[in-house]
PDB file of all heavy atoms in Angstrom:
ATOM      1  N   THR A   1     -58.363  -5.132  41.837  1.00  0.00           N
ATOM      2  CA  THR A   1     -59.174  -6.306  42.160  1.00  0.00           C
ATOM      3  C   THR A   1     -59.861  -6.838  40.909  1.00  0.00           C
ATOM      4  O   THR A   1     -59.874  -8.047  40.653  1.00  0.00           O
ATOM      5  CB  THR A   1     -60.225  -5.966  43.235  1.00  0.00           C
ATOM      6  OG1 THR A   1     -59.561  -5.529  44.418  1.00  0.00           O
ATOM      7  CG2 THR A   1     -61.072  -7.188  43.564  1.00  0.00           C
ATOM      8  N   ARG A   2     -60.447  -5.957  40.126  1.00  0.00           N
ATOM      9  CA  ARG A   2     -61.118  -6.377  38.896  1.00  0.00           C
ATOM     10  C   ARG A   2     -60.138  -7.047  37.931  1.00  0.00           C
ATOM     11  O   ARG A   2     -60.453  -8.074  37.319  1.00  0.00           O
ATOM     12  CB  ARG A   2     -61.776  -5.175  38.216  1.00  0.00           C
ATOM     13  CG  ARG A   2     -63.059  -4.693  38.896  1.00  0.00           C
ATOM     14  CD  ARG A   2     -63.622  -3.474  38.173  1.00  0.00           C
ATOM     15  NE  ARG A   2     -64.932  -3.111  38.664  1.00  0.00           N
ATOM     16  CZ  ARG A   2     -66.066  -3.612  38.213  1.00  0.00           C
ATOM     17  NH1 ARG A   2     -66.038  -4.506  37.237  1.00  0.00           N
ATOM     18  NH2 ARG A   2     -67.229  -3.227  38.700  1.00  0.00           N
ATOM     19  N   ARG A   3     -58.949  -6.491  37.788  1.00  0.00           N
ATOM     20  CA  ARG A   3     -57.947  -7.093  36.900  1.00  0.00           C
ATOM     21  C   ARG A   3     -57.576  -8.493  37.358  1.00  0.00           C
ATOM     22  O   ARG A   3     -57.430  -9.418  36.537  1.00  0.00           O
ATOM     23  CB  ARG A   3     -56.696  -6.217  36.841  1.00  0.00           C
ATOM     24  CG  ARG A   3     -56.864  -4.929  36.064  1.00  0.00           C
ATOM     25  CD  ARG A   3     -55.610  -4.082  36.123  1.00  0.00           C
ATOM     26  NE  ARG A   3     -54.480  -4.704  35.432  1.00  0.00           N
ATOM     27  CZ  ARG A   3     -53.262  -4.171  35.386  1.00  0.00           C
ATOM     28  NH1 ARG A   3     -53.018  -3.017  36.006  1.00  0.00           N
ATOM     29  NH2 ARG A   3     -52.279  -4.780  34.734  1.00  0.00           N
ATOM     30  N   LEU A   4     -57.425  -8.659  38.654  1.00  0.00           N
ATOM     31  CA  LEU A   4     -57.044  -9.960  39.200  1.00  0.00           C
ATOM     32  C   LEU A   4     -58.181 -10.978  39.083  1.00  0.00           C
ATOM     33  O   LEU A   4     -57.958 -12.148  38.742  1.00  0.00           O
ATOM     34  CB  LEU A   4     -56.623  -9.804  40.658  1.00  0.00           C
ATOM     35  CG  LEU A   4     -55.358  -8.970  40.900  1.00  0.00           C
ATOM     36  CD1 LEU A   4     -55.225  -8.629  42.375  1.00  0.00           C
ATOM     37  CD2 LEU A   4     -54.111  -9.684  40.403  1.00  0.00           C
ATOM     38  N   VAL A   5     -59.406 -10.540  39.363  1.00  0.00           N
ATOM     39  CA  VAL A   5     -60.547 -11.461  39.314  1.00  0.00           C
ATOM     40  C   VAL A   5     -60.768 -11.980  37.898  1.00  0.00           C
ATOM     41  O   VAL A   5     -61.152 -13.147  37.708  1.00  0.00           O
ATOM     42  CB  VAL A   5     -61.823 -10.760  39.842  1.00  0.00           C
ATOM     43  CG1 VAL A   5     -63.066 -11.593  39.549  1.00  0.00           C
ATOM     44  CG2 VAL A   5     -61.712 -10.519  41.342  1.00  0.00           C
ATOM     45  N   ARG A   6     -60.516 -11.153  36.896  1.00  0.00           N
ATOM     46  CA  ARG A   6     -60.787 -11.550  35.509  1.00  0.00           C
ATOM     47  C   ARG A   6     -59.912 -12.709  35.039  1.00  0.00           C
ATOM     48  O   ARG A   6     -60.218 -13.350  34.036  1.00  0.00           O
ATOM     49  CB  ARG A   6     -60.619 -10.358  34.571  1.00  0.00           C
ATOM     50  CG  ARG A   6     -61.727  -9.308  34.707  1.00  0.00           C
ATOM     51  CD  ARG A   6     -61.691  -8.313  33.582  1.00  0.00           C
ATOM     52  NE  ARG A   6     -62.669  -7.272  33.776  1.00  0.00           N
ATOM     53  CZ  ARG A   6     -62.384  -6.040  34.205  1.00  0.00           C
ATOM     54  NH1 ARG A   6     -61.118  -5.708  34.459  1.00  0.00           N
ATOM     55  NH2 ARG A   6     -63.332  -5.150  34.371  1.00  0.00           N
ATOM     56  N   VAL A   7     -58.828 -12.979  35.757  1.00  0.00           N
ATOM     57  CA  VAL A   7     -57.997 -14.143  35.429  1.00  0.00           C
ATOM     58  C   VAL A   7     -58.505 -15.321  36.252  1.00  0.00           C
ATOM     59  O   VAL A   7     -58.466 -15.293  37.474  1.00  0.00           O
ATOM     60  CB  VAL A   7     -56.511 -13.876  35.733  1.00  0.00           C
ATOM     61  CG1 VAL A   7     -55.683 -15.124  35.425  1.00  0.00           C
ATOM     62  CG2 VAL A   7     -56.007 -12.696  34.927  1.00  0.00           C
ATOM     63  N   ARG A   8     -58.979 -16.341  35.580  1.00  0.00           N
ATOM     64  CA  ARG A   8     -59.539 -17.509  36.273  1.00  0.00           C
ATOM     65  C   ARG A   8     -58.399 -18.387  36.774  1.00  0.00           C
ATOM     66  O   ARG A   8     -57.890 -19.259  36.055  1.00  0.00           O
ATOM     67  CB  ARG A   8     -60.461 -18.276  35.332  1.00  0.00           C
ATOM     68  CG  ARG A   8     -61.164 -19.438  35.985  1.00  0.00           C
ATOM     69  CD  ARG A   8     -62.250 -20.023  35.113  1.00  0.00           C
ATOM     70  NE  ARG A   8     -63.314 -19.061  34.832  1.00  0.00           N
ATOM     71  CZ  ARG A   8     -64.501 -19.373  34.320  1.00  0.00           C
ATOM     72  NH1 ARG A   8     -64.774 -20.629  34.024  1.00  0.00           N
ATOM     73  NH2 ARG A   8     -65.397 -18.445  34.095  1.00  0.00           N
ATOM     74  N   SER A   9     -58.031 -18.181  38.014  1.00  0.00           N
ATOM     75  CA  SER A   9     -56.858 -18.860  38.570  1.00  0.00           C
ATOM     76  C   SER A   9     -57.269 -19.931  39.574  1.00  0.00           C
ATOM     77  O   SER A   9     -56.759 -19.980  40.696  1.00  0.00           O
ATOM     78  CB  SER A   9     -55.921 -17.842  39.234  1.00  0.00           C
ATOM     79  OG  SER A   9     -56.606 -17.104  40.227  1.00  0.00           O
ATOM     80  N   CYS A  10     -58.180 -20.802  39.159  1.00  0.00           N
ATOM     81  CA  CYS A  10     -58.614 -21.890  40.039  1.00  0.00           C
ATOM     82  C   CYS A  10     -57.416 -22.762  40.415  1.00  0.00           C
ATOM     83  O   CYS A  10     -56.531 -23.027  39.594  1.00  0.00           O
ATOM     84  CB  CYS A  10     -59.685 -22.738  39.354  1.00  0.00           C
ATOM     85  SG  CYS A  10     -61.169 -21.819  38.892  1.00  0.00           S
ATOM     86  N   SER A  11     -57.411 -23.215  41.650  1.00  0.00           N
ATOM     87  CA  SER A  11     -56.288 -23.998  42.154  1.00  0.00           C
ATOM     88  C   SER A  11     -56.076 -25.258  41.330  1.00  0.00           C
ATOM     89  O   SER A  11     -57.015 -25.920  40.911  1.00  0.00           O
ATOM     90  CB  SER A  11     -56.539 -24.378  43.615  1.00  0.00           C
ATOM     91  OG  SER A  11     -55.360 -24.848  44.221  1.00  0.00           O
ATOM     92  N   ARG A  12     -54.813 -25.551  41.080  1.00  0.00           N
ATOM     93  CA  ARG A  12     -54.405 -26.725  40.309  1.00  0.00           C
ATOM     94  C   ARG A  12     -54.833 -26.641  38.844  1.00  0.00           C
ATOM     95  O   ARG A  12     -55.221 -27.650  38.247  1.00  0.00           O
ATOM     96  CB  ARG A  12     -54.941 -28.012  40.953  1.00  0.00           C
ATOM     97  CG  ARG A  12     -54.445 -28.237  42.383  1.00  0.00           C
ATOM     98  CD  ARG A  12     -53.179 -29.050  42.350  1.00  0.00           C
ATOM     99  NE  ARG A  12     -52.495 -29.023  43.646  1.00  0.00           N
ATOM    100  CZ  ARG A  12     -52.027 -30.108  44.239  1.00  0.00           C
ATOM    101  NH1 ARG A  12     -52.183 -31.278  43.685  1.00  0.00           N
ATOM    102  NH2 ARG A  12     -51.377 -30.020  45.373  1.00  0.00           N
ATOM    103  N   THR A  13     -54.810 -25.430  38.256  1.00  0.00           N
ATOM    104  CA  THR A  13     -55.105 -25.244  36.831  1.00  0.00           C
ATOM    105  C   THR A  13     -54.047 -24.330  36.226  1.00  0.00           C
ATOM    106  O   THR A  13     -53.366 -23.576  36.955  1.00  0.00           O
ATOM    107  CB  THR A  13     -56.491 -24.609  36.609  1.00  0.00           C
ATOM    108  OG1 THR A  13     -56.460 -23.226  37.019  1.00  0.00           O
ATOM    109  CG2 THR A  13     -57.571 -25.361  37.375  1.00  0.00           C
ATOM    110  N   PRO A  14     -53.906 -24.333  34.892  1.00  0.00           N
ATOM    111  CA  PRO A  14     -52.953 -23.428  34.242  1.00  0.00           C
ATOM    112  C   PRO A  14     -53.257 -21.956  34.496  1.00  0.00           C
ATOM    113  O   PRO A  14     -52.386 -21.095  34.306  1.00  0.00           O
ATOM    114  CB  PRO A  14     -53.101 -23.777  32.752  1.00  0.00           C
ATOM    115  CG  PRO A  14     -53.594 -25.194  32.744  1.00  0.00           C
ATOM    116  CD  PRO A  14     -54.498 -25.293  33.934  1.00  0.00           C
ATOM    117  N   GLY A  15     -54.477 -21.634  34.929  1.00  0.00           N
ATOM    118  CA  GLY A  15     -54.819 -20.256  35.217  1.00  0.00           C
ATOM    119  C   GLY A  15     -53.956 -19.631  36.297  1.00  0.00           C
ATOM    120  O   GLY A  15     -53.777 -18.405  36.339  1.00  0.00           O
ATOM    121  N   GLU A  16     -53.402 -20.449  37.174  1.00  0.00           N
ATOM    122  CA  GLU A  16     -52.510 -19.921  38.204  1.00  0.00           C
ATOM    123  C   GLU A  16     -51.256 -19.315  37.576  1.00  0.00           C
ATOM    124  O   GLU A  16     -50.756 -18.285  38.054  1.00  0.00           O
ATOM    125  CB  GLU A  16     -52.141 -21.026  39.189  1.00  0.00           C
ATOM    126  CG  GLU A  16     -53.288 -21.444  40.097  1.00  0.00           C
ATOM    127  CD  GLU A  16     -52.890 -22.541  41.058  1.00  0.00           C
ATOM    128  OE1 GLU A  16     -52.893 -23.720  40.634  1.00  0.00           O
ATOM    129  OE2 GLU A  16     -52.569 -22.236  42.221  1.00  0.00           O
ATOM    130  N   ARG A  17     -50.759 -19.922  36.516  1.00  0.00           N
ATOM    131  CA  ARG A  17     -49.601 -19.351  35.825  1.00  0.00           C
ATOM    132  C   ARG A  17     -49.962 -18.021  35.178  1.00  0.00           C
ATOM    133  O   ARG A  17     -49.163 -17.074  35.175  1.00  0.00           O
ATOM    134  CB  ARG A  17     -49.084 -20.328  34.765  1.00  0.00           C
ATOM    135  CG  ARG A  17     -48.271 -21.492  35.298  1.00  0.00           C
ATOM    136  CD  ARG A  17     -46.981 -21.005  35.970  1.00  0.00           C
ATOM    137  NE  ARG A  17     -46.207 -20.108  35.115  1.00  0.00           N
ATOM    138  CZ  ARG A  17     -45.318 -20.520  34.223  1.00  0.00           C
ATOM    139  NH1 ARG A  17     -45.075 -21.817  34.072  1.00  0.00           N
ATOM    140  NH2 ARG A  17     -44.638 -19.650  33.499  1.00  0.00           N
ATOM    141  N   GLN A  18     -51.160 -17.930  34.616  1.00  0.00           N
ATOM    142  CA  GLN A  18     -51.586 -16.676  34.007  1.00  0.00           C
ATOM    143  C   GLN A  18     -51.664 -15.562  35.053  1.00  0.00           C
ATOM    144  O   GLN A  18     -51.303 -14.409  34.785  1.00  0.00           O
ATOM    145  CB  GLN A  18     -52.945 -16.867  33.341  1.00  0.00           C
ATOM    146  CG  GLN A  18     -52.946 -17.865  32.200  1.00  0.00           C
ATOM    147  CD  GLN A  18     -54.347 -18.156  31.690  1.00  0.00           C
ATOM    148  OE1 GLN A  18     -55.260 -17.343  31.824  1.00  0.00           O
ATOM    149  NE2 GLN A  18     -54.532 -19.326  31.103  1.00  0.00           N
ATOM    150  N   LEU A  19     -52.139 -15.915  36.236  1.00  0.00           N
ATOM    151  CA  LEU A  19     -52.251 -14.905  37.288  1.00  0.00           C
ATOM    152  C   LEU A  19     -50.876 -14.468  37.787  1.00  0.00           C
ATOM    153  O   LEU A  19     -50.652 -13.283  38.045  1.00  0.00           O
ATOM    154  CB  LEU A  19     -53.097 -15.441  38.440  1.00  0.00           C
ATOM    155  CG  LEU A  19     -53.786 -14.428  39.371  1.00  0.00           C
ATOM    156  CD1 LEU A  19     -52.825 -13.736  40.303  1.00  0.00           C
ATOM    157  CD2 LEU A  19     -54.589 -13.424  38.565  1.00  0.00           C
ATOM    158  N   SER A  20     -49.941 -15.413  37.897  1.00  0.00           N
ATOM    159  CA  SER A  20     -48.599 -15.030  38.332  1.00  0.00           C
ATOM    160  C   SER A  20     -47.948 -14.103  37.302  1.00  0.00           C
ATOM    161  O   SER A  20     -47.238 -13.159  37.666  1.00  0.00           O
ATOM    162  CB  SER A  20     -47.725 -16.265  38.575  1.00  0.00           C
ATOM    163  OG  SER A  20     -47.518 -17.008  37.390  1.00  0.00           O
ATOM    164  N   ASP A  21     -48.199 -14.343  36.015  1.00  0.00           N
ATOM    165  CA  ASP A  21     -47.681 -13.447  34.972  1.00  0.00           C
ATOM    166  C   ASP A  21     -48.264 -12.053  35.124  1.00  0.00           C
ATOM    167  O   ASP A  21     -47.553 -11.041  34.969  1.00  0.00           O
ATOM    168  CB  ASP A  21     -48.015 -14.002  33.589  1.00  0.00           C
ATOM    169  CG  ASP A  21     -47.248 -15.275  33.247  1.00  0.00           C
ATOM    170  OD1 ASP A  21     -46.231 -15.553  33.921  1.00  0.00           O
ATOM    171  OD2 ASP A  21     -47.665 -16.000  32.322  1.00  0.00           O
ATOM    172  N   LEU A  22     -49.565 -11.964  35.421  1.00  0.00           N
ATOM    173  CA  LEU A  22     -50.191 -10.663  35.619  1.00  0.00           C
ATOM    174  C   LEU A  22     -49.596  -9.946  36.827  1.00  0.00           C
ATOM    175  O   LEU A  22     -49.344  -8.734  36.779  1.00  0.00           O
ATOM    176  CB  LEU A  22     -51.704 -10.826  35.799  1.00  0.00           C
ATOM    177  CG  LEU A  22     -52.482  -9.554  36.169  1.00  0.00           C
ATOM    178  CD1 LEU A  22     -52.303  -8.475  35.102  1.00  0.00           C
ATOM    179  CD2 LEU A  22     -53.957  -9.865  36.385  1.00  0.00           C
ATOM    180  N   LEU A  23     -49.355 -10.669  37.897  1.00  0.00           N
ATOM    181  CA  LEU A  23     -48.774 -10.050  39.084  1.00  0.00           C
ATOM    182  C   LEU A  23     -47.399  -9.464  38.793  1.00  0.00           C
ATOM    183  O   LEU A  23     -47.071  -8.371  39.270  1.00  0.00           O
ATOM    184  CB  LEU A  23     -48.680 -11.077  40.212  1.00  0.00           C
ATOM    185  CG  LEU A  23     -50.004 -11.420  40.906  1.00  0.00           C
ATOM    186  CD1 LEU A  23     -49.822 -12.637  41.809  1.00  0.00           C
ATOM    187  CD2 LEU A  23     -50.531 -10.245  41.700  1.00  0.00           C
ATOM    188  N   VAL A  24     -46.606 -10.165  38.002  1.00  0.00           N
ATOM    189  CA  VAL A  24     -45.284  -9.646  37.638  1.00  0.00           C
ATOM    190  C   VAL A  24     -45.428  -8.359  36.835  1.00  0.00           C
ATOM    191  O   VAL A  24     -44.688  -7.385  37.045  1.00  0.00           O
ATOM    192  CB  VAL A  24     -44.482 -10.705  36.861  1.00  0.00           C
ATOM    193  CG1 VAL A  24     -43.212 -10.099  36.270  1.00  0.00           C
ATOM    194  CG2 VAL A  24     -44.125 -11.877  37.769  1.00  0.00           C
ATOM    195  N   ARG A  25     -46.408  -8.318  35.923  1.00  0.00           N
ATOM    196  CA  ARG A  25     -46.630  -7.101  35.134  1.00  0.00           C
ATOM    197  C   ARG A  25     -47.050  -5.943  36.033  1.00  0.00           C
ATOM    198  O   ARG A  25     -46.595  -4.800  35.845  1.00  0.00           O
ATOM    199  CB  ARG A  25     -47.688  -7.342  34.054  1.00  0.00           C
ATOM    200  CG  ARG A  25     -47.252  -8.302  32.959  1.00  0.00           C
ATOM    201  CD  ARG A  25     -48.125  -8.190  31.732  1.00  0.00           C
ATOM    202  NE  ARG A  25     -49.520  -8.489  31.994  1.00  0.00           N
ATOM    203  CZ  ARG A  25     -50.046  -9.710  31.923  1.00  0.00           C
ATOM    204  NH1 ARG A  25     -49.267 -10.753  31.624  1.00  0.00           N
ATOM    205  NH2 ARG A  25     -51.329  -9.915  32.147  1.00  0.00           N
TER     206      ARG A  25
END
């Protein structure tokens, strides 16, 4: 949860791509 929260993945922002990359890892 902490790892996921630290990525700012606000809707309709490039942060969503960063979070998807983390999920794949």
